[in-house]
Amino acid sequence: MTTELRHLLVIGIGAGDPDHVTLAAVKAMRRADVFFVLGKGREKSDLTRLRRDILDEHLPGPYRVVEADDPWRDRTRDERAGYTTAVLDWRRRRADVCERLIREELAPGQCGAFLVWGDPSLYDSTLGILEDIKARGTVAFDHEVIPGISSVSALAARHRVNLNRIGGSVHITPGRRLAESLPNDDGDIVVMLDAHESFRHVAGADTWIYWGAYIGTPDEILIAGPLDEVRDRISRARGEARERHGWIMDTYLLRIHQDAAVETEARKGTGTGAGT
């Protein structure tokens, strides 16, 4: 029996633009013997295609990809069973799939890779799943993490704004907990994973929103402006994009008590428009 460990790379690949992939990520990809991809069904096949586009862009020769179905997650069960319980159950089933892939598709001494959207440390389950598999003791491996450009940093860059104001803080929250984060007069709020358009319930008289969807891809949409003026426009854009693609990934920054000088500058820029 060999004593060699399997080695895994968890590679952040940015928000979707192949140019967002760092040199460190490219070097890591070129070390991999196999890439593991959990497919999310026909409606999100674009995500698998984008991963392959990134590999085609940065790898000099043929590469091996092993795909498996991502376990289905019943969003209505999240509400019935409790969010944390439902997510832990989904992660356990995901870990079952990943454990099988590592054991059956990666030989001892070989290197496998998971390509993670954005940055692996921010609202992604891969690192937690690998720790779960390690704790089971059924397959031995070590792993390393290569950071990536998150949708948060890409959003700020596309809107040409800072995430924080002078000496201020930045609070990052999923949409379902936005109400708990308000009011936040001491800083600004970045919202991710907002399936229910929580921004519609925020008082917007002196609040600006910098919103983006499919950031870094050819389908990118950007809208910015006073929340009271653009919230309906964002909702329409979300609905149309979701109907067109079958899925949507969006992120936004809420800036409460917007500074007048910043507001004037923002109105001059392209951030107040929408693009694809």
C-alpha atoms as a PDB file:
ATOM      1  CA  MET A   1       0.000   0.000   0.000  1.00  0.00           C
ATOM      2  CA  THR A   2       1.223   3.505  -0.825  1.00  0.00           C
ATOM      3  CA  THR A   3       1.648   6.087   1.893  1.00  0.00           C
ATOM      4  CA  GLU A   4       1.384   8.994  -0.557  1.00  0.00           C
ATOM      5  CA  LEU A   5      -1.379  11.480   0.149  1.00  0.00           C
ATOM      6  CA  ARG A   6      -3.816  12.768  -2.375  1.00  0.00           C
ATOM      7  CA  HIS A   7      -3.485  16.536  -2.724  1.00  0.00           C
ATOM      8  CA  LEU A   8      -6.353  18.951  -3.332  1.00  0.00           C
ATOM      9  CA  LEU A   9      -6.344  22.534  -4.538  1.00  0.00           C
ATOM     10  CA  VAL A  10      -9.261  24.858  -3.773  1.00  0.00           C
ATOM     11  CA  ILE A  11      -8.825  27.571  -6.372  1.00  0.00           C
ATOM     12  CA  GLY A  12     -10.675  30.878  -6.380  1.00  0.00           C
ATOM     13  CA  ILE A  13     -11.386  31.756 -10.002  1.00  0.00           C
ATOM     14  CA  GLY A  14     -13.014  35.161  -9.636  1.00  0.00           C
ATOM     15  CA  ALA A  15     -16.505  36.324 -10.451  1.00  0.00           C
ATOM     16  CA  GLY A  16     -16.588  35.064 -14.052  1.00  0.00           C
ATOM     17  CA  ASP A  17     -14.101  37.001 -16.164  1.00  0.00           C
ATOM     18  CA  PRO A  18     -11.184  34.730 -17.220  1.00  0.00           C
ATOM     19  CA  ASP A  19      -8.924  37.771 -16.749  1.00  0.00           C
ATOM     20  CA  HIS A  20      -9.814  37.820 -13.044  1.00  0.00           C
ATOM     21  CA  VAL A  21      -7.935  34.555 -12.540  1.00  0.00           C
ATOM     22  CA  THR A  22      -4.685  35.323 -10.711  1.00  0.00           C
ATOM     23  CA  LEU A  23      -1.245  34.091 -11.734  1.00  0.00           C
ATOM     24  CA  ALA A  24      -1.217  31.972  -8.575  1.00  0.00           C
ATOM     25  CA  ALA A  25      -4.499  30.364  -9.653  1.00  0.00           C
ATOM     26  CA  VAL A  26      -3.144  29.648 -13.146  1.00  0.00           C
ATOM     27  CA  LYS A  27      -0.027  28.019 -11.709  1.00  0.00           C
ATOM     28  CA  ALA A  28      -2.210  25.940  -9.394  1.00  0.00           C
ATOM     29  CA  MET A  29      -4.488  24.822 -12.237  1.00  0.00           C
ATOM     30  CA  ARG A  30      -1.460  23.649 -14.190  1.00  0.00           C
ATOM     31  CA  ARG A  31      -0.535  21.354 -11.280  1.00  0.00           C
ATOM     32  CA  ALA A  32      -3.873  19.550 -11.267  1.00  0.00           C
ATOM     33  CA  ASP A  33      -4.331  16.055 -12.684  1.00  0.00           C
ATOM     34  CA  VAL A  34      -8.121  16.339 -12.522  1.00  0.00           C
ATOM     35  CA  PHE A  35     -10.752  19.035 -11.958  1.00  0.00           C
ATOM     36  CA  PHE A  36     -13.887  18.191  -9.982  1.00  0.00           C
ATOM     37  CA  VAL A  37     -17.105  19.973 -10.980  1.00  0.00           C
ATOM     38  CA  LEU A  38     -20.482  19.649  -9.266  1.00  0.00           C
ATOM     39  CA  GLY A  39     -23.093  20.384 -11.925  1.00  0.00           C
ATOM     40  CA  LYS A  40     -26.234  22.254 -10.928  1.00  0.00           C
ATOM     41  CA  GLY A  41     -28.567  20.991 -13.646  1.00  0.00           C
ATOM     42  CA  ARG A  42     -29.534  22.271 -17.050  1.00  0.00           C
ATOM     43  CA  GLU A  43     -30.647  25.702 -15.860  1.00  0.00           C
ATOM     44  CA  LYS A  44     -27.176  26.461 -14.481  1.00  0.00           C
ATOM     45  CA  SER A  45     -25.156  24.748 -17.198  1.00  0.00           C
ATOM     46  CA  ASP A  46     -23.668  28.186 -17.960  1.00  0.00           C
ATOM     47  CA  LEU A  47     -21.655  27.896 -14.743  1.00  0.00           C
ATOM     48  CA  THR A  48     -20.038  24.660 -15.934  1.00  0.00           C
ATOM     49  CA  ARG A  49     -19.362  26.182 -19.343  1.00  0.00           C
ATOM     50  CA  LEU A  50     -17.721  29.230 -17.743  1.00  0.00           C
ATOM     51  CA  ARG A  51     -15.401  26.950 -15.761  1.00  0.00           C
ATOM     52  CA  ARG A  52     -14.382  25.175 -18.962  1.00  0.00           C
ATOM     53  CA  ASP A  53     -13.873  28.540 -20.683  1.00  0.00           C
ATOM     54  CA  ILE A  54     -11.494  29.525 -17.894  1.00  0.00           C
ATOM     55  CA  LEU A  55      -9.582  26.245 -18.215  1.00  0.00           C
ATOM     56  CA  ASP A  56      -9.405  26.646 -22.006  1.00  0.00           C
ATOM     57  CA  GLU A  57      -8.086  30.184 -21.557  1.00  0.00           C
ATOM     58  CA  HIS A  58      -5.308  29.328 -19.134  1.00  0.00           C
ATOM     59  CA  LEU A  59      -4.208  25.720 -19.697  1.00  0.00           C
ATOM     60  CA  PRO A  60      -1.787  24.936 -22.539  1.00  0.00           C
ATOM     61  CA  GLY A  61      -3.031  21.429 -23.305  1.00  0.00           C
ATOM     62  CA  PRO A  62      -5.786  18.887 -22.652  1.00  0.00           C
ATOM     63  CA  TYR A  63      -7.136  18.539 -19.144  1.00  0.00           C
ATOM     64  CA  ARG A  64      -9.371  16.096 -17.314  1.00  0.00           C
ATOM     65  CA  VAL A  65     -12.706  17.106 -15.791  1.00  0.00           C
ATOM     66  CA  VAL A  66     -14.901  14.819 -13.698  1.00  0.00           C
ATOM     67  CA  GLU A  67     -18.465  16.025 -13.208  1.00  0.00           C
ATOM     68  CA  ALA A  68     -21.073  14.902 -10.700  1.00  0.00           C
ATOM     69  CA  ASP A  69     -24.577  16.082  -9.902  1.00  0.00           C
ATOM     70  CA  ASP A  70     -24.796  18.571  -7.084  1.00  0.00           C
ATOM     71  CA  PRO A  71     -27.336  17.293  -4.512  1.00  0.00           C
ATOM     72  CA  TRP A  72     -30.675  18.999  -4.891  1.00  0.00           C
ATOM     73  CA  ARG A  73     -31.568  21.503  -2.218  1.00  0.00           C
ATOM     74  CA  ASP A  74     -35.216  22.030  -1.316  1.00  0.00           C
ATOM     75  CA  ARG A  75     -35.444  25.752  -0.535  1.00  0.00           C
ATOM     76  CA  THR A  76     -38.912  25.340   0.958  1.00  0.00           C
ATOM     77  CA  ARG A  77     -37.471  22.783   3.394  1.00  0.00           C
ATOM     78  CA  ASP A  78     -35.006  25.480   4.529  1.00  0.00           C
ATOM     79  CA  GLU A  79     -37.951  27.363   5.974  1.00  0.00           C
ATOM     80  CA  ARG A  80     -39.654  24.320   7.516  1.00  0.00           C
ATOM     81  CA  ALA A  81     -36.605  22.663   9.074  1.00  0.00           C
ATOM     82  CA  GLY A  82     -34.690  25.797   9.927  1.00  0.00           C
ATOM     83  CA  TYR A  83     -32.041  27.357   7.734  1.00  0.00           C
ATOM     84  CA  THR A  84     -28.949  26.050   9.535  1.00  0.00           C
ATOM     85  CA  THR A  85     -30.304  22.492   9.788  1.00  0.00           C
ATOM     86  CA  ALA A  86     -31.219  22.441   6.095  1.00  0.00           C
ATOM     87  CA  VAL A  87     -27.841  23.778   4.984  1.00  0.00           C
ATOM     88  CA  LEU A  88     -25.932  21.291   7.157  1.00  0.00           C
ATOM     89  CA  ASP A  89     -27.952  18.448   5.644  1.00  0.00           C
ATOM     90  CA  TRP A  90     -27.211  19.699   2.120  1.00  0.00           C
ATOM     91  CA  ARG A  91     -23.513  20.036   2.923  1.00  0.00           C
ATOM     92  CA  ARG A  92     -23.437  16.479   4.279  1.00  0.00           C
ATOM     93  CA  ARG A  93     -24.897  15.163   1.028  1.00  0.00           C
ATOM     94  CA  ARG A  94     -22.424  17.285  -0.931  1.00  0.00           C
ATOM     95  CA  ALA A  95     -19.603  15.843   1.162  1.00  0.00           C
ATOM     96  CA  ASP A  96     -20.784  12.328   0.251  1.00  0.00           C
ATOM     97  CA  VAL A  97     -20.408  13.175  -3.445  1.00  0.00           C
ATOM     98  CA  CYS A  98     -17.033  14.878  -3.046  1.00  0.00           C
ATOM     99  CA  GLU A  99     -15.684  12.029  -0.903  1.00  0.00           C
ATOM    100  CA  ARG A 100     -16.572   9.547  -3.658  1.00  0.00           C
ATOM    101  CA  LEU A 101     -14.908  11.704  -6.320  1.00  0.00           C
ATOM    102  CA  ILE A 102     -11.701  12.050  -4.310  1.00  0.00           C
ATOM    103  CA  ARG A 103     -11.547   8.352  -3.482  1.00  0.00           C
ATOM    104  CA  GLU A 104     -12.457   6.992  -6.928  1.00  0.00           C
ATOM    105  CA  GLU A 105     -11.109   9.583  -9.355  1.00  0.00           C
ATOM    106  CA  LEU A 106      -7.888  10.732  -7.660  1.00  0.00           C
ATOM    107  CA  ALA A 107      -5.079   8.256  -7.061  1.00  0.00           C
ATOM    108  CA  PRO A 108      -2.699   8.621  -4.088  1.00  0.00           C
ATOM    109  CA  GLY A 109       0.055  11.052  -5.050  1.00  0.00           C
ATOM    110  CA  GLN A 110      -2.113  12.847  -7.586  1.00  0.00           C
ATOM    111  CA  CYS A 111      -3.436  16.413  -7.411  1.00  0.00           C
ATOM    112  CA  GLY A 112      -7.108  17.319  -7.827  1.00  0.00           C
ATOM    113  CA  ALA A 113      -8.745  20.744  -7.942  1.00  0.00           C
ATOM    114  CA  PHE A 114     -12.056  22.400  -7.144  1.00  0.00           C
ATOM    115  CA  LEU A 115     -12.665  25.666  -9.016  1.00  0.00           C
ATOM    116  CA  VAL A 116     -14.586  28.001  -6.718  1.00  0.00           C
ATOM    117  CA  TRP A 117     -16.420  31.121  -7.865  1.00  0.00           C
ATOM    118  CA  GLY A 118     -15.059  34.307  -6.333  1.00  0.00           C
ATOM    119  CA  ASP A 119     -12.993  33.566  -3.242  1.00  0.00           C
ATOM    120  CA  PRO A 120     -13.203  30.237  -1.353  1.00  0.00           C
ATOM    121  CA  SER A 121     -13.401  32.008   2.013  1.00  0.00           C
ATOM    122  CA  LEU A 122     -16.554  34.030   1.293  1.00  0.00           C
ATOM    123  CA  TYR A 123     -19.944  32.282   1.314  1.00  0.00           C
ATOM    124  CA  ASP A 124     -18.711  29.070  -0.267  1.00  0.00           C
ATOM    125  CA  SER A 125     -19.057  25.595   1.221  1.00  0.00           C
ATOM    126  CA  THR A 126     -16.025  23.812  -0.282  1.00  0.00           C
ATOM    127  CA  LEU A 127     -13.606  24.314   2.616  1.00  0.00           C
ATOM    128  CA  GLY A 128     -16.163  23.218   5.198  1.00  0.00           C
ATOM    129  CA  ILE A 129     -17.017  20.144   3.133  1.00  0.00           C
ATOM    130  CA  LEU A 130     -13.361  19.105   2.862  1.00  0.00           C
ATOM    131  CA  GLU A 131     -12.958  19.442   6.635  1.00  0.00           C
ATOM    132  CA  ASP A 132     -16.036  17.232   7.054  1.00  0.00           C
ATOM    133  CA  ILE A 133     -14.550  14.575   4.761  1.00  0.00           C
ATOM    134  CA  LYS A 134     -11.219  14.700   6.596  1.00  0.00           C
ATOM    135  CA  ALA A 135     -12.996  14.181   9.918  1.00  0.00           C
ATOM    136  CA  ARG A 136     -14.632  11.002   8.576  1.00  0.00           C
ATOM    137  CA  GLY A 137     -11.187   9.421   8.112  1.00  0.00           C
ATOM    138  CA  THR A 138     -12.283   7.460   5.042  1.00  0.00           C
ATOM    139  CA  VAL A 139      -9.841   8.989   2.561  1.00  0.00           C
ATOM    140  CA  ALA A 140      -6.527  10.698   3.318  1.00  0.00           C
ATOM    141  CA  PHE A 141      -5.587  13.977   1.621  1.00  0.00           C
ATOM    142  CA  ASP A 142      -4.137  17.383   2.268  1.00  0.00           C
ATOM    143  CA  HIS A 143      -5.276  20.621   0.648  1.00  0.00           C
ATOM    144  CA  GLU A 144      -4.323  24.200   0.021  1.00  0.00           C
ATOM    145  CA  VAL A 145      -6.338  27.296  -0.846  1.00  0.00           C
ATOM    146  CA  ILE A 146      -5.634  29.821  -3.592  1.00  0.00           C
ATOM    147  CA  PRO A 147      -7.589  33.040  -3.025  1.00  0.00           C
ATOM    148  CA  GLY A 148      -9.597  34.678  -5.782  1.00  0.00           C
ATOM    149  CA  ILE A 149     -11.250  37.964  -6.694  1.00  0.00           C
ATOM    150  CA  SER A 150     -14.631  37.956  -4.984  1.00  0.00           C
ATOM    151  CA  SER A 151     -17.842  39.319  -6.477  1.00  0.00           C
ATOM    152  CA  VAL A 152     -17.649  41.953  -3.724  1.00  0.00           C
ATOM    153  CA  SER A 153     -14.340  43.395  -4.886  1.00  0.00           C
ATOM    154  CA  ALA A 154     -15.384  43.024  -8.540  1.00  0.00           C
ATOM    155  CA  LEU A 155     -18.621  44.922  -7.813  1.00  0.00           C
ATOM    156  CA  ALA A 156     -16.732  47.840  -6.271  1.00  0.00           C
ATOM    157  CA  ALA A 157     -14.283  47.919  -9.185  1.00  0.00           C
ATOM    158  CA  ARG A 158     -17.031  47.910 -11.828  1.00  0.00           C
ATOM    159  CA  HIS A 159     -18.848  50.767 -10.070  1.00  0.00           C
ATOM    160  CA  ARG A 160     -15.532  52.562  -9.377  1.00  0.00           C
ATOM    161  CA  VAL A 161     -16.262  53.028  -5.688  1.00  0.00           C
ATOM    162  CA  ASN A 162     -14.637  52.144  -2.386  1.00  0.00           C
ATOM    163  CA  LEU A 163     -16.406  49.579  -0.225  1.00  0.00           C
ATOM    164  CA  ASN A 164     -15.817  51.771   2.818  1.00  0.00           C
ATOM    165  CA  ARG A 165     -15.809  55.466   3.528  1.00  0.00           C
ATOM    166  CA  ILE A 166     -13.027  57.217   5.455  1.00  0.00           C
ATOM    167  CA  GLY A 167     -12.483  55.352   8.724  1.00  0.00           C
ATOM    168  CA  GLY A 168     -15.722  53.458   8.225  1.00  0.00           C
ATOM    169  CA  SER A 169     -16.549  49.786   8.495  1.00  0.00           C
ATOM    170  CA  VAL A 170     -18.041  47.375   5.973  1.00  0.00           C
ATOM    171  CA  HIS A 171     -20.621  44.805   6.981  1.00  0.00           C
ATOM    172  CA  ILE A 172     -21.138  41.773   4.709  1.00  0.00           C
ATOM    173  CA  THR A 173     -24.376  39.848   5.110  1.00  0.00           C
ATOM    174  CA  PRO A 174     -26.622  37.429   3.235  1.00  0.00           C
ATOM    175  CA  GLY A 175     -29.885  38.991   2.122  1.00  0.00           C
ATOM    176  CA  ARG A 176     -31.980  37.009   4.594  1.00  0.00           C
ATOM    177  CA  ARG A 177     -30.222  38.818   7.483  1.00  0.00           C
ATOM    178  CA  LEU A 178     -30.212  42.324   6.040  1.00  0.00           C
ATOM    179  CA  ALA A 179     -32.997  43.522   8.352  1.00  0.00           C
ATOM    180  CA  GLU A 180     -30.831  42.603  11.376  1.00  0.00           C
ATOM    181  CA  SER A 181     -28.031  44.799  10.001  1.00  0.00           C
ATOM    182  CA  LEU A 182     -30.089  47.974   9.829  1.00  0.00           C
ATOM    183  CA  PRO A 183     -29.700  50.736  10.697  1.00  0.00           C
ATOM    184  CA  ASN A 184     -25.943  50.812  10.145  1.00  0.00           C
ATOM    185  CA  ASP A 185     -24.956  54.448  10.470  1.00  0.00           C
ATOM    186  CA  ASP A 186     -21.344  53.506  11.289  1.00  0.00           C
ATOM    187  CA  GLY A 187     -20.610  51.888   7.948  1.00  0.00           C
ATOM    188  CA  ASP A 188     -21.767  50.424   4.682  1.00  0.00           C
ATOM    189  CA  ILE A 189     -23.442  47.098   3.946  1.00  0.00           C
ATOM    190  CA  VAL A 190     -22.587  44.569   1.250  1.00  0.00           C
ATOM    191  CA  VAL A 191     -25.402  42.097   0.564  1.00  0.00           C
ATOM    192  CA  MET A 192     -24.953  38.701  -1.070  1.00  0.00           C
ATOM    193  CA  LEU A 193     -27.255  35.729  -1.739  1.00  0.00           C
ATOM    194  CA  ASP A 194     -30.387  37.874  -1.732  1.00  0.00           C
ATOM    195  CA  ALA A 195     -32.994  35.650  -3.371  1.00  0.00           C
ATOM    196  CA  HIS A 196     -35.903  37.682  -1.954  1.00  0.00           C
ATOM    197  CA  GLU A 197     -34.840  41.221  -2.945  1.00  0.00           C
ATOM    198  CA  SER A 198     -34.443  42.416   0.631  1.00  0.00           C
ATOM    199  CA  PHE A 199     -33.399  45.866  -0.622  1.00  0.00           C
ATOM    200  CA  ARG A 200     -37.074  46.506  -1.440  1.00  0.00           C
ATOM    201  CA  HIS A 201     -37.807  46.786   2.285  1.00  0.00           C
ATOM    202  CA  VAL A 202     -35.016  49.260   3.105  1.00  0.00           C
ATOM    203  CA  ALA A 203     -35.906  52.907   3.676  1.00  0.00           C
ATOM    204  CA  GLY A 204     -34.170  54.590   0.773  1.00  0.00           C
ATOM    205  CA  ALA A 205     -34.553  58.354   1.164  1.00  0.00           C
ATOM    206  CA  ASP A 206     -30.837  58.863   1.830  1.00  0.00           C
ATOM    207  CA  THR A 207     -29.503  55.462   0.750  1.00  0.00           C
ATOM    208  CA  TRP A 208     -27.652  54.637  -2.453  1.00  0.00           C
ATOM    209  CA  ILE A 209     -27.350  51.185  -3.932  1.00  0.00           C
ATOM    210  CA  TYR A 210     -24.585  49.862  -6.186  1.00  0.00           C
ATOM    211  CA  TRP A 211     -25.960  46.651  -7.683  1.00  0.00           C
ATOM    212  CA  GLY A 212     -24.459  44.133 -10.087  1.00  0.00           C
ATOM    213  CA  ALA A 213     -25.409  40.755 -11.529  1.00  0.00           C
ATOM    214  CA  TYR A 214     -23.318  38.221 -13.489  1.00  0.00           C
ATOM    215  CA  ILE A 215     -20.341  40.441 -12.700  1.00  0.00           C
ATOM    216  CA  GLY A 216     -17.356  39.832 -14.954  1.00  0.00           C
ATOM    217  CA  THR A 217     -19.331  37.887 -17.569  1.00  0.00           C
ATOM    218  CA  PRO A 218     -20.722  38.976 -20.949  1.00  0.00           C
ATOM    219  CA  ASP A 219     -24.168  39.107 -19.301  1.00  0.00           C
ATOM    220  CA  GLU A 220     -23.110  41.622 -16.647  1.00  0.00           C
ATOM    221  CA  ILE A 221     -25.731  44.147 -15.485  1.00  0.00           C
ATOM    222  CA  LEU A 222     -24.881  47.214 -13.382  1.00  0.00           C
ATOM    223  CA  ILE A 223     -27.297  49.678 -11.807  1.00  0.00           C
ATOM    224  CA  ALA A 224     -26.523  52.402  -9.271  1.00  0.00           C
ATOM    225  CA  GLY A 225     -28.412  55.320  -7.807  1.00  0.00           C
ATOM    226  CA  PRO A 226     -30.661  56.466  -4.969  1.00  0.00           C
ATOM    227  CA  LEU A 227     -32.462  53.386  -3.705  1.00  0.00           C
ATOM    228  CA  ASP A 228     -35.906  54.989  -3.913  1.00  0.00           C
ATOM    229  CA  GLU A 229     -35.308  55.791  -7.582  1.00  0.00           C
ATOM    230  CA  VAL A 230     -33.798  52.517  -8.819  1.00  0.00           C
ATOM    231  CA  ARG A 231     -35.237  49.718  -6.656  1.00  0.00           C
ATOM    232  CA  ASP A 232     -38.047  48.968  -9.137  1.00  0.00           C
ATOM    233  CA  ARG A 233     -35.603  49.073 -12.026  1.00  0.00           C
ATOM    234  CA  ILE A 234     -33.370  46.552 -10.258  1.00  0.00           C
ATOM    235  CA  SER A 235     -36.335  44.270  -9.579  1.00  0.00           C
ATOM    236  CA  ARG A 236     -37.332  44.349 -13.251  1.00  0.00           C
ATOM    237  CA  ALA A 237     -33.751  43.685 -14.351  1.00  0.00           C
ATOM    238  CA  ARG A 238     -33.489  40.760 -11.900  1.00  0.00           C
ATOM    239  CA  GLY A 239     -36.745  39.245 -13.067  1.00  0.00           C
ATOM    240  CA  GLU A 240     -35.926  39.559 -16.760  1.00  0.00           C
ATOM    241  CA  ALA A 241     -32.417  38.154 -16.276  1.00  0.00           C
ATOM    242  CA  ARG A 242     -33.643  35.235 -14.201  1.00  0.00           C
ATOM    243  CA  GLU A 243     -36.262  34.423 -16.815  1.00  0.00           C
ATOM    244  CA  ARG A 244     -33.648  34.587 -19.554  1.00  0.00           C
ATOM    245  CA  HIS A 245     -30.947  32.514 -17.829  1.00  0.00           C
ATOM    246  CA  GLY A 246     -32.882  30.417 -15.322  1.00  0.00           C
ATOM    247  CA  TRP A 247     -30.657  31.661 -12.481  1.00  0.00           C
ATOM    248  CA  ILE A 248     -29.066  34.844 -11.187  1.00  0.00           C
ATOM    249  CA  MET A 249     -26.061  35.732  -9.034  1.00  0.00           C
ATOM    250  CA  ASP A 250     -26.045  39.318  -7.810  1.00  0.00           C
ATOM    251  CA  THR A 251     -24.340  41.409  -5.145  1.00  0.00           C
ATOM    252  CA  TYR A 252     -24.909  44.965  -3.984  1.00  0.00           C
ATOM    253  CA  LEU A 253     -23.535  47.684  -1.739  1.00  0.00           C
ATOM    254  CA  LEU A 254     -25.912  49.813   0.328  1.00  0.00           C
ATOM    255  CA  ARG A 255     -24.481  53.200   1.252  1.00  0.00           C
ATOM    256  CA  ILE A 256     -26.596  54.964   3.846  1.00  0.00           C
ATOM    257  CA  HIS A 257     -26.383  58.772   4.156  1.00  0.00           C
ATOM    258  CA  GLN A 258     -24.642  59.121   0.800  1.00  0.00           C
ATOM    259  CA  ASP A 259     -22.222  62.022   0.631  1.00  0.00           C
ATOM    260  CA  ALA A 260     -23.364  64.739  -1.791  1.00  0.00           C
ATOM    261  CA  ALA A 261     -19.965  64.951  -3.541  1.00  0.00           C
ATOM    262  CA  VAL A 262     -19.907  61.194  -4.069  1.00  0.00           C
ATOM    263  CA  GLU A 263     -23.457  61.323  -5.394  1.00  0.00           C
ATOM    264  CA  THR A 264     -22.536  64.012  -7.930  1.00  0.00           C
ATOM    265  CA  GLU A 265     -19.521  62.031  -9.131  1.00  0.00           C
ATOM    266  CA  ALA A 266     -21.518  58.800  -9.365  1.00  0.00           C
ATOM    267  CA  ARG A 267     -24.137  60.469 -11.546  1.00  0.00           C
ATOM    268  CA  LYS A 268     -21.366  61.381 -14.009  1.00  0.00           C
ATOM    269  CA  GLY A 269     -20.113  57.812 -14.315  1.00  0.00           C
ATOM    270  CA  THR A 270     -21.326  54.691 -16.020  1.00  0.00           C
ATOM    271  CA  GLY A 271     -22.281  53.107 -12.713  1.00  0.00           C
ATOM    272  CA  THR A 272     -25.765  54.643 -12.967  1.00  0.00           C
ATOM    273  CA  GLY A 273     -26.513  52.628 -16.066  1.00  0.00           C
ATOM    274  CA  ALA A 274     -27.062  49.019 -16.988  1.00  0.00           C
ATOM    275  CA  GLY A 275     -24.956  46.999 -19.348  1.00  0.00           C
ATOM    276  CA  THR A 276     -24.786  43.502 -20.739  1.00  0.00           C
END
